[in-house]
Structure formats: C-alpha cells, structure tokens
Amino acid sequence: GVHPDDWEGTKRAIEEAVHPEGAGLYKAEYRVINRRTGEVRWILALGQTSFEDGRAVSMIGTVQDITERKLTEQQAYEQADRYQSLAE
C-alpha cells in the first residue's frame, strides 16, 4: 500500500540499494495507505543489502512508523509560514 505519490522515490531507493556498485544502503521515507480503512501512515525504512558475486542476494533492515514525527514537522512548518506572513 505505498502511496502513489511516493512510489517512484521508494522504487528508486530500492534500485540504488541493490545496485552492485553502490553502498548497498537503503533509506526511504514514504506513506502507506491501509487498504481497508484508507488511513495514511508515514514509514521510515532503513536497510543494508548483502551481495554475492556482484549481485544482491538479501537485504536486512527496519521499518518504523514515523507518522507522529511527520505530523509534528508539518505543524511546525505551518506555524512558521503563518509567523512569516504576519511579519511581512
């Protein structure tokens, strides 16, 4: 359920992580949509790819729900914009 607006960036991060000449690191922040409820959550995914004979064979990592952090960041940006508008 990756959000359609985040799919390309997430796909690109995976492609870079499995590229044999790269560092094998995966990092992506993206939204997911619960198919039953429609709820949107933000995810931070971090991983490390293992290579054998120049090809990716596995990836290990973590996935963390960062929805609260993203909402807090959004509120801070909105408050900064409002403050900037008042200052002008």
N, C-alpha and C. Protein backbone atom coordinates (compact mmCIF):
# COMPACT_ATOMS: atom_id res chain seq x y z
N GLY A 1 0.77 -1.20 0.00
CA GLY A 1 0.00 0.00 0.00
C GLY A 1 0.82 1.27 0.00
N VAL A 2 1.93 1.33 -0.75
CA VAL A 2 2.70 2.56 -0.83
C VAL A 2 1.86 3.62 -1.54
N HIS A 3 1.84 4.82 -0.96
CA HIS A 3 1.09 5.93 -1.54
C HIS A 3 1.57 6.17 -2.97
N PRO A 4 0.66 6.37 -3.92
CA PRO A 4 1.06 6.55 -5.33
C PRO A 4 2.06 7.70 -5.54
N ASP A 5 1.95 8.77 -4.76
CA ASP A 5 2.87 9.89 -4.92
C ASP A 5 4.28 9.57 -4.42
N ASP A 6 4.42 8.52 -3.63
CA ASP A 6 5.73 8.16 -3.06
C ASP A 6 6.35 6.94 -3.73
N TRP A 7 5.62 6.31 -4.64
CA TRP A 7 6.10 5.06 -5.23
C TRP A 7 7.42 5.23 -6.00
N GLU A 8 7.53 6.23 -6.84
CA GLU A 8 8.75 6.38 -7.65
C GLU A 8 9.99 6.57 -6.79
N GLY A 9 9.91 7.43 -5.78
CA GLY A 9 11.06 7.65 -4.89
C GLY A 9 11.43 6.40 -4.12
N THR A 10 10.43 5.65 -3.67
CA THR A 10 10.69 4.41 -2.94
C THR A 10 11.32 3.38 -3.86
N LYS A 11 10.81 3.27 -5.05
CA LYS A 11 11.36 2.33 -6.04
C LYS A 11 12.81 2.69 -6.36
N ARG A 12 13.08 3.98 -6.53
CA ARG A 12 14.45 4.44 -6.84
C ARG A 12 15.40 4.09 -5.69
N ALA A 13 14.96 4.25 -4.44
CA ALA A 13 15.79 3.93 -3.28
C ALA A 13 16.12 2.43 -3.26
N ILE A 14 15.16 1.59 -3.61
CA ILE A 14 15.41 0.14 -3.68
C ILE A 14 16.41 -0.18 -4.78
N GLU A 15 16.20 0.42 -5.95
CA GLU A 15 17.11 0.17 -7.07
C GLU A 15 18.55 0.57 -6.73
N GLU A 16 18.71 1.69 -6.04
CA GLU A 16 20.05 2.13 -5.65
C GLU A 16 20.66 1.17 -4.63
N ALA A 17 19.84 0.66 -3.71
CA ALA A 17 20.34 -0.24 -2.67
C ALA A 17 20.80 -1.58 -3.22
N VAL A 18 20.21 -2.02 -4.32
CA VAL A 18 20.59 -3.33 -4.87
C VAL A 18 21.59 -3.22 -6.03
N HIS A 19 22.01 -1.99 -6.33
CA HIS A 19 22.99 -1.81 -7.40
C HIS A 19 24.36 -2.29 -6.90
N PRO A 20 24.99 -3.22 -7.62
CA PRO A 20 26.24 -3.82 -7.14
C PRO A 20 27.39 -2.84 -6.96
N GLU A 21 27.37 -1.71 -7.63
CA GLU A 21 28.46 -0.75 -7.49
C GLU A 21 28.17 0.31 -6.43
N GLY A 22 27.03 0.23 -5.80
CA GLY A 22 26.67 1.19 -4.76
C GLY A 22 27.07 0.70 -3.39
N ALA A 23 26.67 1.45 -2.38
CA ALA A 23 27.00 1.12 -0.99
C ALA A 23 26.07 0.05 -0.41
N GLY A 24 24.97 -0.23 -1.09
CA GLY A 24 24.03 -1.23 -0.60
C GLY A 24 23.13 -0.73 0.51
N LEU A 25 23.10 0.58 0.72
CA LEU A 25 22.28 1.15 1.78
C LEU A 25 20.90 1.53 1.25
N TYR A 26 19.89 1.26 2.05
CA TYR A 26 18.52 1.60 1.70
C TYR A 26 17.97 2.53 2.76
N LYS A 27 17.45 3.68 2.34
CA LYS A 27 16.77 4.60 3.24
C LYS A 27 15.65 5.25 2.46
N ALA A 28 14.45 5.17 3.01
CA ALA A 28 13.31 5.78 2.34
C ALA A 28 12.27 6.18 3.38
N GLU A 29 11.69 7.35 3.17
CA GLU A 29 10.53 7.80 3.93
C GLU A 29 9.37 7.88 2.95
N TYR A 30 8.28 7.23 3.28
CA TYR A 30 7.15 7.19 2.37
C TYR A 30 5.86 6.95 3.14
N ARG A 31 4.77 7.24 2.48
CA ARG A 31 3.45 7.00 3.08
C ARG A 31 2.90 5.65 2.61
N VAL A 32 2.16 5.03 3.50
CA VAL A 32 1.44 3.81 3.15
C VAL A 32 -0.04 4.04 3.43
N ILE A 33 -0.87 3.38 2.66
CA ILE A 33 -2.32 3.50 2.80
C ILE A 33 -2.89 2.16 3.21
N ASN A 34 -3.63 2.15 4.32
CA ASN A 34 -4.32 0.94 4.75
C ASN A 34 -5.46 0.68 3.78
N ARG A 35 -5.42 -0.43 3.10
CA ARG A 35 -6.40 -0.72 2.05
C ARG A 35 -7.82 -0.88 2.59
N ARG A 36 -7.96 -1.27 3.84
CA ARG A 36 -9.30 -1.44 4.41
C ARG A 36 -9.88 -0.14 4.94
N THR A 37 -9.05 0.66 5.63
CA THR A 37 -9.57 1.85 6.30
C THR A 37 -9.26 3.15 5.56
N GLY A 38 -8.26 3.12 4.67
CA GLY A 38 -7.84 4.33 3.98
C GLY A 38 -6.90 5.19 4.79
N GLU A 39 -6.57 4.76 6.02
CA GLU A 39 -5.67 5.52 6.88
C GLU A 39 -4.28 5.62 6.24
N VAL A 40 -3.69 6.81 6.32
CA VAL A 40 -2.35 7.04 5.78
C VAL A 40 -1.37 7.15 6.94
N ARG A 41 -0.26 6.40 6.85
CA ARG A 41 0.80 6.44 7.86
C ARG A 41 2.12 6.72 7.15
N TRP A 42 3.05 7.36 7.85
CA TRP A 42 4.39 7.61 7.33
C TRP A 42 5.34 6.53 7.85
N ILE A 43 6.23 6.07 6.97
CA ILE A 43 7.17 4.99 7.28
C ILE A 43 8.59 5.46 7.01
N LEU A 44 9.53 5.07 7.88
CA LEU A 44 10.96 5.21 7.64
C LEU A 44 11.51 3.80 7.52
N ALA A 45 12.08 3.48 6.37
CA ALA A 45 12.67 2.16 6.14
C ALA A 45 14.17 2.32 5.95
N LEU A 46 14.94 1.53 6.69
CA LEU A 46 16.40 1.53 6.60
C LEU A 46 16.87 0.11 6.37
N GLY A 47 17.84 -0.08 5.49
CA GLY A 47 18.31 -1.43 5.23
C GLY A 47 19.72 -1.47 4.68
N GLN A 48 20.28 -2.67 4.70
CA GLN A 48 21.61 -2.94 4.15
C GLN A 48 21.51 -4.18 3.28
N THR A 49 21.98 -4.04 2.04
CA THR A 49 21.95 -5.15 1.09
C THR A 49 23.23 -5.95 1.19
N SER A 50 23.10 -7.26 1.07
CA SER A 50 24.26 -8.15 1.00
C SER A 50 24.42 -8.60 -0.45
N PHE A 51 25.67 -8.65 -0.89
CA PHE A 51 25.98 -9.03 -2.26
C PHE A 51 26.85 -10.28 -2.29
N GLU A 52 26.64 -11.09 -3.31
CA GLU A 52 27.50 -12.25 -3.60
C GLU A 52 27.75 -12.27 -5.09
N ASP A 53 29.00 -12.36 -5.45
CA ASP A 53 29.38 -12.41 -6.87
C ASP A 53 28.77 -11.25 -7.66
N GLY A 54 28.74 -10.06 -7.05
CA GLY A 54 28.27 -8.88 -7.75
C GLY A 54 26.77 -8.74 -7.90
N ARG A 55 26.00 -9.55 -7.16
CA ARG A 55 24.56 -9.39 -7.24
C ARG A 55 23.94 -9.40 -5.84
N ALA A 56 22.87 -8.62 -5.70
CA ALA A 56 22.18 -8.53 -4.42
C ALA A 56 21.51 -9.86 -4.11
N VAL A 57 21.73 -10.35 -2.89
CA VAL A 57 21.13 -11.63 -2.51
C VAL A 57 20.17 -11.49 -1.32
N SER A 58 20.34 -10.43 -0.54
CA SER A 58 19.43 -10.23 0.59
C SER A 58 19.52 -8.80 1.08
N MET A 59 18.51 -8.42 1.85
CA MET A 59 18.51 -7.10 2.49
C MET A 59 17.93 -7.28 3.88
N ILE A 60 18.59 -6.68 4.84
CA ILE A 60 18.10 -6.71 6.21
C ILE A 60 17.90 -5.27 6.65
N GLY A 61 16.87 -5.04 7.45
CA GLY A 61 16.63 -3.68 7.87
C GLY A 61 15.47 -3.55 8.83
N THR A 62 15.05 -2.31 8.99
CA THR A 62 13.95 -1.99 9.90
C THR A 62 12.94 -1.10 9.19
N VAL A 63 11.73 -1.14 9.70
CA VAL A 63 10.66 -0.26 9.23
C VAL A 63 10.05 0.35 10.48
N GLN A 64 9.94 1.68 10.48
CA GLN A 64 9.45 2.39 11.65
C GLN A 64 8.32 3.32 11.26
N ASP A 65 7.27 3.35 12.06
CA ASP A 65 6.16 4.27 11.86
C ASP A 65 6.59 5.63 12.40
N ILE A 66 6.70 6.62 11.51
CA ILE A 66 7.12 7.97 11.91
C ILE A 66 6.01 9.00 11.69
N THR A 67 4.78 8.54 11.71
CA THR A 67 3.64 9.41 11.44
C THR A 67 3.59 10.59 12.40
N GLU A 68 3.77 10.34 13.68
CA GLU A 68 3.69 11.44 14.66
C GLU A 68 4.77 12.47 14.39
N ARG A 69 5.98 12.03 14.06
CA ARG A 69 7.07 12.97 13.76
C ARG A 69 6.72 13.82 12.55
N LYS A 70 6.21 13.20 11.50
CA LYS A 70 5.86 13.92 10.28
C LYS A 70 4.74 14.93 10.52
N LEU A 71 3.76 14.56 11.32
CA LEU A 71 2.67 15.49 11.65
C LEU A 71 3.19 16.68 12.45
N THR A 72 4.11 16.42 13.38
CA THR A 72 4.71 17.50 14.17
C THR A 72 5.51 18.43 13.27
N GLU A 73 6.29 17.86 12.34
CA GLU A 73 7.05 18.68 11.39
C GLU A 73 6.12 19.54 10.54
N GLN A 74 5.03 18.95 10.06
CA GLN A 74 4.08 19.69 9.24
C GLN A 74 3.48 20.85 10.02
N GLN A 75 3.11 20.61 11.27
CA GLN A 75 2.55 21.68 12.10
C GLN A 75 3.58 22.79 12.31
N ALA A 76 4.84 22.44 12.52
CA ALA A 76 5.89 23.44 12.72
C ALA A 76 6.07 24.29 11.47
N TYR A 77 6.06 23.66 10.29
CA TYR A 77 6.18 24.41 9.04
C TYR A 77 5.00 25.35 8.85
N GLU A 78 3.80 24.87 9.15
CA GLU A 78 2.61 25.71 9.01
C GLU A 78 2.66 26.90 9.95
N GLN A 79 3.12 26.69 11.18
CA GLN A 79 3.24 27.79 12.14
C GLN A 79 4.29 28.79 11.67
N ALA A 80 5.40 28.30 11.13
CA ALA A 80 6.46 29.18 10.62
C ALA A 80 5.93 30.01 9.46
N ASP A 81 5.15 29.40 8.59
CA ASP A 81 4.56 30.13 7.45
C ASP A 81 3.61 31.22 7.95
N ARG A 82 2.79 30.89 8.94
CA ARG A 82 1.87 31.88 9.49
C ARG A 82 2.64 33.03 10.15
N TYR A 83 3.70 32.71 10.86
CA TYR A 83 4.52 33.74 11.50
C TYR A 83 5.17 34.62 10.45
N GLN A 84 5.69 34.00 9.39
CA GLN A 84 6.33 34.76 8.32
C GLN A 84 5.32 35.69 7.65
N SER A 85 4.11 35.22 7.44
CA SER A 85 3.06 36.06 6.83
C SER A 85 2.73 37.25 7.72
N LEU A 86 2.67 37.05 9.02
CA LEU A 86 2.37 38.14 9.95
C LEU A 86 3.52 39.15 10.01
N ALA A 87 4.74 38.67 9.85
CA ALA A 87 5.92 39.53 9.93
C ALA A 87 6.05 40.42 8.70
N GLU A 88 5.47 40.00 7.60
CA GLU A 88 5.58 40.76 6.35
C GLU A 88 4.60 41.83 6.33
